[in-house]
Amino acid sequence: MTLWTFYLALLGTASIAAFRREANKTSSLKFDFFLSIITWVGLFGYVTNIQMLNSTFWKLAFVIILVWDILFTLFYPTDEEVPIWARSIGLIFLFPLYLGLYRYAFE
């Protein structure tokens, strides 16, 4: 099992857990989960070296998802006050996802 496969499984598990806990609260959270599914599929395609859809879709998806994740992570209101530096840690965890999606789209 490669590190990419392990990361893919970890990300999928975390996404399902977050959906069960949060997704029914707002339409923004539902949209975020929808985008998470797309990124997971893209990372799956990269890890398994299977071409799904075309590179134009993944290029557009990469840009939209990266912008969404940054804005959503840093500015989405939460129940408790969380400093921006603490929210940014979540983006660091997602860096391999963005890297894999970028490679899948642009290489």
Protein backbone atom coordinates (compact mmCIF):
# COMPACT_ATOMS: atom_id res chain seq x y z
CA MET A 1 0.00 0.00 0.00
CA THR A 2 1.51 3.30 -1.05
CA LEU A 3 1.29 6.52 0.93
CA TRP A 4 -1.08 7.89 -1.72
CA THR A 5 -3.46 4.97 -1.20
CA PHE A 6 -3.30 5.42 2.57
CA TYR A 7 -3.99 9.16 2.20
CA LEU A 8 -6.89 8.46 -0.17
CA ALA A 9 -8.47 6.06 2.36
CA LEU A 10 -7.91 8.51 5.22
CA LEU A 11 -9.46 11.35 3.26
CA GLY A 12 -12.46 9.25 2.23
CA THR A 13 -13.09 8.17 5.82
CA ALA A 14 -12.78 11.73 7.10
CA SER A 15 -15.17 13.00 4.41
CA ILE A 16 -17.82 10.42 5.29
CA ALA A 17 -17.50 11.20 9.01
CA ALA A 18 -17.79 14.94 8.35
CA PHE A 19 -20.82 14.40 6.14
CA ARG A 20 -22.61 12.37 8.78
CA ARG A 21 -21.89 15.04 11.37
CA GLU A 22 -22.26 18.31 9.45
CA ALA A 23 -23.64 18.07 5.93
CA ASN A 24 -27.33 18.43 6.71
CA LYS A 25 -26.87 21.79 8.43
CA THR A 26 -26.54 24.24 5.52
CA SER A 27 -26.46 24.33 1.74
CA SER A 28 -22.84 25.54 1.90
CA LEU A 29 -21.84 22.39 3.78
CA LYS A 30 -23.72 20.23 1.25
CA PHE A 31 -21.92 21.98 -1.62
CA ASP A 32 -18.60 21.53 0.17
CA PHE A 33 -19.27 17.80 0.52
CA PHE A 34 -20.21 17.60 -3.17
CA LEU A 35 -16.87 19.20 -4.09
CA SER A 36 -15.13 16.81 -1.70
CA ILE A 37 -16.55 13.88 -3.64
CA ILE A 38 -15.22 15.34 -6.89
CA THR A 39 -11.76 15.84 -5.40
CA TRP A 40 -11.77 12.33 -3.97
CA VAL A 41 -12.65 10.89 -7.37
CA GLY A 42 -9.87 12.94 -8.97
CA LEU A 43 -7.34 11.78 -6.41
CA PHE A 44 -8.55 8.20 -6.90
CA GLY A 45 -7.97 8.57 -10.64
CA TYR A 46 -4.48 9.94 -10.01
CA VAL A 47 -3.53 7.23 -7.50
CA THR A 48 -4.84 4.37 -9.63
CA ASN A 49 -3.71 5.94 -12.93
CA ILE A 50 -7.22 5.71 -14.39
CA GLN A 51 -8.40 8.55 -16.62
CA MET A 52 -11.89 9.69 -15.63
CA LEU A 53 -13.50 12.47 -17.65
CA ASN A 54 -11.07 14.74 -19.50
CA SER A 55 -8.20 16.96 -18.44
CA THR A 56 -10.19 20.16 -19.08
CA PHE A 57 -12.74 19.10 -16.46
CA TRP A 58 -9.99 18.39 -13.92
CA LYS A 59 -8.18 21.66 -14.66
CA LEU A 60 -11.37 23.61 -14.06
CA ALA A 61 -12.25 21.50 -11.03
CA PHE A 62 -8.78 22.04 -9.55
CA VAL A 63 -9.07 25.84 -9.74
CA ILE A 64 -12.65 25.99 -8.46
CA ILE A 65 -12.03 23.55 -5.61
CA LEU A 66 -8.80 25.21 -4.50
CA VAL A 67 -10.43 28.65 -4.38
CA TRP A 68 -13.52 27.24 -2.65
CA ASP A 69 -11.52 25.36 -0.02
CA ILE A 70 -9.41 28.40 0.84
CA LEU A 71 -12.41 30.72 1.11
CA PHE A 72 -14.59 28.15 2.89
CA THR A 73 -11.89 27.17 5.39
CA LEU A 74 -10.85 30.69 6.27
CA PHE A 75 -14.15 32.56 6.19
CA TYR A 76 -17.05 30.15 6.79
CA PRO A 77 -18.67 31.03 10.13
CA THR A 78 -18.47 28.39 12.84
CA ASP A 79 -20.28 27.94 16.13
CA GLU A 80 -17.20 28.86 18.11
CA GLU A 81 -14.55 31.47 17.38
CA VAL A 82 -11.57 29.77 15.71
CA PRO A 83 -8.47 31.81 14.81
CA ILE A 84 -7.48 31.92 11.16
CA TRP A 85 -4.10 30.27 11.89
CA ALA A 86 -5.97 27.28 13.37
CA ARG A 87 -8.27 27.06 10.35
CA SER A 88 -5.23 27.16 8.05
CA ILE A 89 -3.92 23.92 9.55
CA GLY A 90 -6.76 22.11 7.77
CA LEU A 91 -5.46 23.42 4.44
CA ILE A 92 -2.01 22.02 5.24
CA PHE A 93 -3.59 18.59 5.73
CA LEU A 94 -5.23 18.94 2.32
CA PHE A 95 -2.01 19.90 0.49
CA PRO A 96 -1.40 16.34 -0.80
CA LEU A 97 -4.95 16.35 -2.17
CA TYR A 98 -4.31 19.56 -4.11
CA LEU A 99 -0.95 18.23 -5.30
CA GLY A 100 -2.48 14.98 -6.58
CA LEU A 101 -5.38 16.78 -8.21
CA TYR A 102 -2.98 19.24 -9.86
CA ARG A 103 -0.86 16.39 -11.22
CA TYR A 104 -3.95 14.57 -12.43
CA ALA A 105 -5.21 17.65 -14.26
CA PHE A 106 -2.04 19.18 -15.66
CA GLU A 107 0.38 16.29 -16.29
